[in-house]
Amino acid sequence: MKQRIIQEVEQTEQEEKCLTEYKQEMDLLMQEKMAHVEELRQIHADINAVSDGSRFDLERYLAVVVRRECSPSSSEVSNYS
């Protein structure tokens, strides 16, 4: 009976040790996950910033093209004079 209680106590101590290691590993994995989440958030923000900038540049370019296409050239203006 005494030997059985000793084995149970040793087994419980071993399980507690394993549980402590498991919790530490989970904490480290959660920290790593949060670091990856933050990195992805920053990448997404950068992509949006570049995308917004590209849209602005594209819109500005299209405005120039439309002005150029819709405005009469100097030779056309001369022909009307």
PDB file of N, CA and C in Angstrom:
ATOM      1  N   MET A   1       0.839  -1.190   0.000  1.00  0.00           N
ATOM      2  CA  MET A   1       0.000   0.000   0.000  1.00  0.00           C
ATOM      3  C   MET A   1       0.883   1.252   0.000  1.00  0.00           C
ATOM      4  N   LYS A   2       1.893   1.269   0.849  1.00  0.00           N
ATOM      5  CA  LYS A   2       2.798   2.400   0.925  1.00  0.00           C
ATOM      6  C   LYS A   2       3.519   2.599  -0.400  1.00  0.00           C
ATOM      7  N   GLN A   3       3.949   1.511  -1.004  1.00  0.00           N
ATOM      8  CA  GLN A   3       4.653   1.570  -2.301  1.00  0.00           C
ATOM      9  C   GLN A   3       3.730   2.135  -3.385  1.00  0.00           C
ATOM     10  N   ARG A   4       2.500   1.753  -3.349  1.00  0.00           N
ATOM     11  CA  ARG A   4       1.529   2.245  -4.337  1.00  0.00           C
ATOM     12  C   ARG A   4       1.321   3.749  -4.188  1.00  0.00           C
ATOM     13  N   ILE A   5       1.238   4.224  -2.961  1.00  0.00           N
ATOM     14  CA  ILE A   5       1.072   5.664  -2.711  1.00  0.00           C
ATOM     15  C   ILE A   5       2.316   6.411  -3.198  1.00  0.00           C
ATOM     16  N   ILE A   6       3.491   5.880  -2.962  1.00  0.00           N
ATOM     17  CA  ILE A   6       4.735   6.495  -3.418  1.00  0.00           C
ATOM     18  C   ILE A   6       4.743   6.583  -4.942  1.00  0.00           C
ATOM     19  N   GLN A   7       4.317   5.530  -5.608  1.00  0.00           N
ATOM     20  CA  GLN A   7       4.263   5.532  -7.080  1.00  0.00           C
ATOM     21  C   GLN A   7       3.262   6.573  -7.588  1.00  0.00           C
ATOM     22  N   GLU A   8       2.124   6.655  -6.927  1.00  0.00           N
ATOM     23  CA  GLU A   8       1.109   7.640  -7.318  1.00  0.00           C
ATOM     24  C   GLU A   8       1.653   9.067  -7.154  1.00  0.00           C
ATOM     25  N   VAL A   9       2.349   9.318  -6.060  1.00  0.00           N
ATOM     26  CA  VAL A   9       2.929  10.645  -5.818  1.00  0.00           C
ATOM     27  C   VAL A   9       3.977  10.948  -6.881  1.00  0.00           C
ATOM     28  N   GLU A  10       4.835   9.993  -7.192  1.00  0.00           N
ATOM     29  CA  GLU A  10       5.864  10.192  -8.226  1.00  0.00           C
ATOM     30  C   GLU A  10       5.228  10.433  -9.583  1.00  0.00           C
ATOM     31  N   GLN A  11       4.196   9.667  -9.862  1.00  0.00           N
ATOM     32  CA  GLN A  11       3.500   9.847 -11.140  1.00  0.00           C
ATOM     33  C   GLN A  11       2.849  11.228 -11.207  1.00  0.00           C
ATOM     34  N   THR A  12       2.249  11.658 -10.120  1.00  0.00           N
ATOM     35  CA  THR A  12       1.624  12.983 -10.070  1.00  0.00           C
ATOM     36  C   THR A  12       2.664  14.079 -10.252  1.00  0.00           C
ATOM     37  N   GLU A  13       3.819  13.935  -9.601  1.00  0.00           N
ATOM     38  CA  GLU A  13       4.895  14.917  -9.753  1.00  0.00           C
ATOM     39  C   GLU A  13       5.391  14.967 -11.193  1.00  0.00           C
ATOM     40  N   GLN A  14       5.499  13.804 -11.820  1.00  0.00           N
ATOM     41  CA  GLN A  14       5.931  13.745 -13.223  1.00  0.00           C
ATOM     42  C   GLN A  14       4.892  14.416 -14.131  1.00  0.00           C
ATOM     43  N   GLU A  15       3.620  14.160 -13.864  1.00  0.00           N
ATOM     44  CA  GLU A  15       2.553  14.782 -14.650  1.00  0.00           C
ATOM     45  C   GLU A  15       2.550  16.302 -14.462  1.00  0.00           C
ATOM     46  N   GLU A  16       2.787  16.766 -13.236  1.00  0.00           N
ATOM     47  CA  GLU A  16       2.857  18.195 -12.982  1.00  0.00           C
ATOM     48  C   GLU A  16       4.028  18.821 -13.729  1.00  0.00           C
ATOM     49  N   LYS A  17       5.148  18.119 -13.754  1.00  0.00           N
ATOM     50  CA  LYS A  17       6.319  18.600 -14.490  1.00  0.00           C
ATOM     51  C   LYS A  17       6.004  18.695 -15.983  1.00  0.00           C
ATOM     52  N   CYS A  18       5.382  17.647 -16.514  1.00  0.00           N
ATOM     53  CA  CYS A  18       4.995  17.658 -17.935  1.00  0.00           C
ATOM     54  C   CYS A  18       4.000  18.775 -18.227  1.00  0.00           C
ATOM     55  N   LEU A  19       3.055  18.980 -17.320  1.00  0.00           N
ATOM     56  CA  LEU A  19       2.060  20.032 -17.498  1.00  0.00           C
ATOM     57  C   LEU A  19       2.717  21.413 -17.477  1.00  0.00           C
ATOM     58  N   THR A  20       3.676  21.605 -16.593  1.00  0.00           N
ATOM     59  CA  THR A  20       4.410  22.870 -16.528  1.00  0.00           C
ATOM     60  C   THR A  20       5.174  23.109 -17.827  1.00  0.00           C
ATOM     61  N   GLU A  21       5.850  22.075 -18.330  1.00  0.00           N
ATOM     62  CA  GLU A  21       6.569  22.192 -19.606  1.00  0.00           C
ATOM     63  C   GLU A  21       5.607  22.499 -20.744  1.00  0.00           C
ATOM     64  N   TYR A  22       4.452  21.845 -20.735  1.00  0.00           N
ATOM     65  CA  TYR A  22       3.433  22.079 -21.756  1.00  0.00           C
ATOM     66  C   TYR A  22       2.962  23.536 -21.731  1.00  0.00           C
ATOM     67  N   LYS A  23       2.690  24.053 -20.525  1.00  0.00           N
ATOM     68  CA  LYS A  23       2.234  25.439 -20.403  1.00  0.00           C
ATOM     69  C   LYS A  23       3.305  26.414 -20.885  1.00  0.00           C
ATOM     70  N   GLN A  24       4.566  26.141 -20.555  1.00  0.00           N
ATOM     71  CA  GLN A  24       5.649  27.006 -21.022  1.00  0.00           C
ATOM     72  C   GLN A  24       5.751  26.982 -22.542  1.00  0.00           C
ATOM     73  N   GLU A  25       5.633  25.792 -23.115  1.00  0.00           N
ATOM     74  CA  GLU A  25       5.694  25.659 -24.574  1.00  0.00           C
ATOM     75  C   GLU A  25       4.516  26.384 -25.226  1.00  0.00           C
ATOM     76  N   MET A  26       3.339  26.259 -24.632  1.00  0.00           N
ATOM     77  CA  MET A  26       2.164  26.963 -25.168  1.00  0.00           C
ATOM     78  C   MET A  26       2.352  28.478 -25.097  1.00  0.00           C
ATOM     79  N   ASP A  27       2.928  28.969 -24.006  1.00  0.00           N
ATOM     80  CA  ASP A  27       3.195  30.408 -23.886  1.00  0.00           C
ATOM     81  C   ASP A  27       4.163  30.869 -24.975  1.00  0.00           C
ATOM     82  N   LEU A  28       5.215  30.088 -25.199  1.00  0.00           N
ATOM     83  CA  LEU A  28       6.176  30.443 -26.246  1.00  0.00           C
ATOM     84  C   LEU A  28       5.526  30.413 -27.629  1.00  0.00           C
ATOM     85  N   LEU A  29       4.712  29.408 -27.868  1.00  0.00           N
ATOM     86  CA  LEU A  29       4.014  29.330 -29.164  1.00  0.00           C
ATOM     87  C   LEU A  29       3.044  30.499 -29.343  1.00  0.00           C
ATOM     88  N   MET A  30       2.372  30.899 -28.277  1.00  0.00           N
ATOM     89  CA  MET A  30       1.449  32.030 -28.367  1.00  0.00           C
ATOM     90  C   MET A  30       2.224  33.321 -28.651  1.00  0.00           C
ATOM     91  N   GLN A  31       3.377  33.493 -28.009  1.00  0.00           N
ATOM     92  CA  GLN A  31       4.198  34.673 -28.287  1.00  0.00           C
ATOM     93  C   GLN A  31       4.663  34.674 -29.735  1.00  0.00           C
ATOM     94  N   GLU A  32       5.067  33.510 -30.228  1.00  0.00           N
ATOM     95  CA  GLU A  32       5.501  33.408 -31.621  1.00  0.00           C
ATOM     96  C   GLU A  32       4.341  33.700 -32.565  1.00  0.00           C
ATOM     97  N   LYS A  33       3.169  33.177 -32.240  1.00  0.00           N
ATOM     98  CA  LYS A  33       1.979  33.422 -33.062  1.00  0.00           C
ATOM     99  C   LYS A  33       1.668  34.916 -33.111  1.00  0.00           C
ATOM    100  N   MET A  34       1.708  35.574 -31.953  1.00  0.00           N
ATOM    101  CA  MET A  34       1.396  36.993 -31.911  1.00  0.00           C
ATOM    102  C   MET A  34       2.436  37.806 -32.680  1.00  0.00           C
ATOM    103  N   ALA A  35       3.688  37.375 -32.647  1.00  0.00           N
ATOM    104  CA  ALA A  35       4.717  38.058 -33.435  1.00  0.00           C
ATOM    105  C   ALA A  35       4.423  37.915 -34.920  1.00  0.00           C
ATOM    106  N   HIS A  36       3.989  36.717 -35.333  1.00  0.00           N
ATOM    107  CA  HIS A  36       3.638  36.506 -36.740  1.00  0.00           C
ATOM    108  C   HIS A  36       2.404  37.321 -37.124  1.00  0.00           C
ATOM    109  N   VAL A  37       1.433  37.378 -36.236  1.00  0.00           N
ATOM    110  CA  VAL A  37       0.225  38.164 -36.508  1.00  0.00           C
ATOM    111  C   VAL A  37       0.592  39.635 -36.698  1.00  0.00           C
ATOM    112  N   GLU A  38       1.456  40.143 -35.838  1.00  0.00           N
ATOM    113  CA  GLU A  38       1.890  41.547 -35.951  1.00  0.00           C
ATOM    114  C   GLU A  38       2.650  41.771 -37.254  1.00  0.00           C
ATOM    115  N   GLU A  39       3.504  40.823 -37.607  1.00  0.00           N
ATOM    116  CA  GLU A  39       4.255  40.946 -38.858  1.00  0.00           C
ATOM    117  C   GLU A  39       3.309  40.946 -40.056  1.00  0.00           C
ATOM    118  N   LEU A  40       2.310  40.072 -40.046  1.00  0.00           N
ATOM    119  CA  LEU A  40       1.326  40.045 -41.134  1.00  0.00           C
ATOM    120  C   LEU A  40       0.511  41.334 -41.174  1.00  0.00           C
ATOM    121  N   ARG A  41       0.188  41.875 -40.005  1.00  0.00           N
ATOM    122  CA  ARG A  41      -0.560  43.136 -39.957  1.00  0.00           C
ATOM    123  C   ARG A  41       0.259  44.259 -40.585  1.00  0.00           C
ATOM    124  N   GLN A  42       1.550  44.278 -40.278  1.00  0.00           N
ATOM    125  CA  GLN A  42       2.414  45.305 -40.852  1.00  0.00           C
ATOM    126  C   GLN A  42       2.559  45.126 -42.356  1.00  0.00           C
ATOM    127  N   ILE A  43       2.692  43.887 -42.810  1.00  0.00           N
ATOM    128  CA  ILE A  43       2.774  43.624 -44.246  1.00  0.00           C
ATOM    129  C   ILE A  43       1.495  44.079 -44.928  1.00  0.00           C
ATOM    130  N   HIS A  44       0.350  43.769 -44.320  1.00  0.00           N
ATOM    131  CA  HIS A  44      -0.937  44.172 -44.889  1.00  0.00           C
ATOM    132  C   HIS A  44      -1.041  45.690 -44.955  1.00  0.00           C
ATOM    133  N   ALA A  45      -0.588  46.362 -43.904  1.00  0.00           N
ATOM    134  CA  ALA A  45      -0.617  47.833 -43.896  1.00  0.00           C
ATOM    135  C   ALA A  45       0.290  48.381 -44.990  1.00  0.00           C
ATOM    136  N   ASP A  46       1.465  47.776 -45.160  1.00  0.00           N
ATOM    137  CA  ASP A  46       2.385  48.218 -46.218  1.00  0.00           C
ATOM    138  C   ASP A  46       1.772  48.012 -47.596  1.00  0.00           C
ATOM    139  N   ILE A  47       1.139  46.867 -47.792  1.00  0.00           N
ATOM    140  CA  ILE A  47       0.499  46.587 -49.085  1.00  0.00           C
ATOM    141  C   ILE A  47      -0.589  47.612 -49.353  1.00  0.00           C
ATOM    142  N   ASN A  48      -1.392  47.914 -48.339  1.00  0.00           N
ATOM    143  CA  ASN A  48      -2.447  48.915 -48.513  1.00  0.00           C
ATOM    144  C   ASN A  48      -1.861  50.286 -48.812  1.00  0.00           C
ATOM    145  N   ALA A  49      -0.767  50.621 -48.145  1.00  0.00           N
ATOM    146  CA  ALA A  49      -0.134  51.925 -48.387  1.00  0.00           C
ATOM    147  C   ALA A  49       0.391  51.993 -49.812  1.00  0.00           C
ATOM    148  N   VAL A  50       1.043  50.943 -50.265  1.00  0.00           N
ATOM    149  CA  VAL A  50       1.563  50.918 -51.635  1.00  0.00           C
ATOM    150  C   VAL A  50       0.408  50.907 -52.619  1.00  0.00           C
ATOM    151  N   SER A  51      -0.609  50.132 -52.309  1.00  0.00           N
ATOM    152  CA  SER A  51      -1.769  50.047 -53.193  1.00  0.00           C
ATOM    153  C   SER A  51      -2.458  51.401 -53.294  1.00  0.00           C
ATOM    154  N   ASP A  52      -2.638  52.078 -52.167  1.00  0.00           N
ATOM    155  CA  ASP A  52      -3.258  53.405 -52.182  1.00  0.00           C
ATOM    156  C   ASP A  52      -2.396  54.377 -52.968  1.00  0.00           C
ATOM    157  N   GLY A  53      -1.100  54.304 -52.773  1.00  0.00           N
ATOM    158  CA  GLY A  53      -0.185  55.164 -53.526  1.00  0.00           C
ATOM    159  C   GLY A  53      -0.254  54.870 -55.004  1.00  0.00           C
ATOM    160  N   SER A  54      -0.332  53.602 -55.361  1.00  0.00           N
ATOM    161  CA  SER A  54      -0.418  53.216 -56.763  1.00  0.00           C
ATOM    162  C   SER A  54      -1.716  53.717 -57.368  1.00  0.00           C
ATOM    163  N   ARG A  55      -2.796  53.615 -56.618  1.00  0.00           N
ATOM    164  CA  ARG A  55      -4.070  54.111 -57.122  1.00  0.00           C
ATOM    165  C   ARG A  55      -4.001  55.614 -57.353  1.00  0.00           C
ATOM    166  N   PHE A  56      -3.369  56.315 -56.420  1.00  0.00           N
ATOM    167  CA  PHE A  56      -3.234  57.766 -56.567  1.00  0.00           C
ATOM    168  C   PHE A  56      -2.411  58.084 -57.804  1.00  0.00           C
ATOM    169  N   ASP A  57      -1.279  57.399 -57.979  1.00  0.00           N
ATOM    170  CA  ASP A  57      -0.445  57.618 -59.149  1.00  0.00           C
ATOM    171  C   ASP A  57      -1.204  57.274 -60.425  1.00  0.00           C
ATOM    172  N   LEU A  58      -1.949  56.183 -60.408  1.00  0.00           N
ATOM    173  CA  LEU A  58      -2.725  55.779 -61.575  1.00  0.00           C
ATOM    174  C   LEU A  58      -3.790  56.824 -61.883  1.00  0.00           C
ATOM    175  N   GLU A  59      -4.475  57.296 -60.867  1.00  0.00           N
ATOM    176  CA  GLU A  59      -5.503  58.310 -61.080  1.00  0.00           C
ATOM    177  C   GLU A  59      -4.897  59.603 -61.624  1.00  0.00           C
ATOM    178  N   ARG A  60      -3.746  59.985 -61.101  1.00  0.00           N
ATOM    179  CA  ARG A  60      -3.077  61.191 -61.584  1.00  0.00           C
ATOM    180  C   ARG A  60      -2.659  61.000 -63.041  1.00  0.00           C
ATOM    181  N   TYR A  61      -2.099  59.832 -63.363  1.00  0.00           N
ATOM    182  CA  TYR A  61      -1.686  59.544 -64.742  1.00  0.00           C
ATOM    183  C   TYR A  61      -2.901  59.571 -65.674  1.00  0.00           C
ATOM    184  N   LEU A  62      -3.993  58.931 -65.253  1.00  0.00           N
ATOM    185  CA  LEU A  62      -5.190  58.920 -66.093  1.00  0.00           C
ATOM    186  C   LEU A  62      -5.741  60.332 -66.295  1.00  0.00           C
ATOM    187  N   ALA A  63      -5.657  61.165 -65.265  1.00  0.00           N
ATOM    188  CA  ALA A  63      -6.123  62.541 -65.406  1.00  0.00           C
ATOM    189  C   ALA A  63      -5.292  63.281 -66.441  1.00  0.00           C
ATOM    190  N   VAL A  64      -3.982  63.058 -66.440  1.00  0.00           N
ATOM    191  CA  VAL A  64      -3.103  63.689 -67.433  1.00  0.00           C
ATOM    192  C   VAL A  64      -3.454  63.188 -68.826  1.00  0.00           C
ATOM    193  N   VAL A  65      -3.654  61.882 -68.959  1.00  0.00           N
ATOM    194  CA  VAL A  65      -3.980  61.294 -70.266  1.00  0.00           C
ATOM    195  C   VAL A  65      -5.316  61.843 -70.762  1.00  0.00           C
ATOM    196  N   VAL A  66      -6.301  61.909 -69.905  1.00  0.00           N
ATOM    197  CA  VAL A  66      -7.620  62.407 -70.309  1.00  0.00           C
ATOM    198  C   VAL A  66      -7.511  63.873 -70.715  1.00  0.00           C
ATOM    199  N   ARG A  67      -6.783  64.672 -69.944  1.00  0.00           N
ATOM    200  CA  ARG A  67      -6.588  66.074 -70.315  1.00  0.00           C
ATOM    201  C   ARG A  67      -5.914  66.188 -71.665  1.00  0.00           C
ATOM    202  N   ARG A  68      -4.896  65.369 -71.880  1.00  0.00           N
ATOM    203  CA  ARG A  68      -4.150  65.403 -73.138  1.00  0.00           C
ATOM    204  C   ARG A  68      -5.062  65.001 -74.299  1.00  0.00           C
ATOM    205  N   GLU A  69      -5.875  63.972 -74.087  1.00  0.00           N
ATOM    206  CA  GLU A  69      -6.747  63.481 -75.159  1.00  0.00           C
ATOM    207  C   GLU A  69      -7.900  64.458 -75.432  1.00  0.00           C
ATOM    208  N   CYS A  70      -8.386  65.085 -74.402  1.00  0.00           N
ATOM    209  CA  CYS A  70      -9.546  65.960 -74.571  1.00  0.00           C
ATOM    210  C   CYS A  70      -9.167  67.386 -74.944  1.00  0.00           C
ATOM    211  N   SER A  71      -7.969  67.792 -74.644  1.00  0.00           N
ATOM    212  CA  SER A  71      -7.537  69.153 -74.968  1.00  0.00           C
ATOM    213  C   SER A  71      -7.072  69.199 -76.416  1.00  0.00           C
ATOM    214  N   PRO A  72      -7.439  70.236 -77.126  1.00  0.00           N
ATOM    215  CA  PRO A  72      -6.967  70.328 -78.509  1.00  0.00           C
ATOM    216  C   PRO A  72      -5.463  70.631 -78.541  1.00  0.00           C
ATOM    217  N   SER A  73      -4.794  70.075 -79.496  1.00  0.00           N
ATOM    218  CA  SER A  73      -3.363  70.338 -79.632  1.00  0.00           C
ATOM    219  C   SER A  73      -3.170  71.740 -80.199  1.00  0.00           C
ATOM    220  N   SER A  74      -1.952  72.220 -80.141  1.00  0.00           N
ATOM    221  CA  SER A  74      -1.676  73.568 -80.648  1.00  0.00           C
ATOM    222  C   SER A  74      -1.948  73.644 -82.154  1.00  0.00           C
ATOM    223  N   SER A  75      -1.709  72.555 -82.896  1.00  0.00           N
ATOM    224  CA  SER A  75      -1.978  72.577 -84.345  1.00  0.00           C
ATOM    225  C   SER A  75      -3.480  72.647 -84.608  1.00  0.00           C
ATOM    226  N   GLU A  76      -4.276  71.985 -83.748  1.00  0.00           N
ATOM    227  CA  GLU A  76      -5.712  72.057 -83.927  1.00  0.00           C
ATOM    228  C   GLU A  76      -6.218  73.458 -83.634  1.00  0.00           C
ATOM    229  N   VAL A  77      -5.643  74.085 -82.624  1.00  0.00           N
ATOM    230  CA  VAL A  77      -6.045  75.455 -82.279  1.00  0.00           C
ATOM    231  C   VAL A  77      -5.692  76.383 -83.422  1.00  0.00           C
ATOM    232  N   SER A  78      -4.527  76.184 -84.041  1.00  0.00           N
ATOM    233  CA  SER A  78      -4.106  77.031 -85.157  1.00  0.00           C
ATOM    234  C   SER A  78      -5.064  76.873 -86.340  1.00  0.00           C
ATOM    235  N   ASN A  79      -5.533  75.682 -86.564  1.00  0.00           N
ATOM    236  CA  ASN A  79      -6.449  75.430 -87.684  1.00  0.00           C
ATOM    237  C   ASN A  79      -7.784  76.165 -87.508  1.00  0.00           C
ATOM    238  N   TYR A  80      -8.204  76.389 -86.278  1.00  0.00           N
ATOM    239  CA  TYR A  80      -9.461  77.068 -86.033  1.00  0.00           C
ATOM    240  C   TYR A  80      -9.328  78.577 -86.112  1.00  0.00           C
ATOM    241  N   SER A  81      -8.145  79.099 -86.074  1.00  0.00           N
ATOM    242  CA  SER A  81      -7.952  80.552 -86.067  1.00  0.00           C
ATOM    243  C   SER A  81      -8.126  81.151 -87.409  1.00  0.00           C
TER     244      SER A  81
END
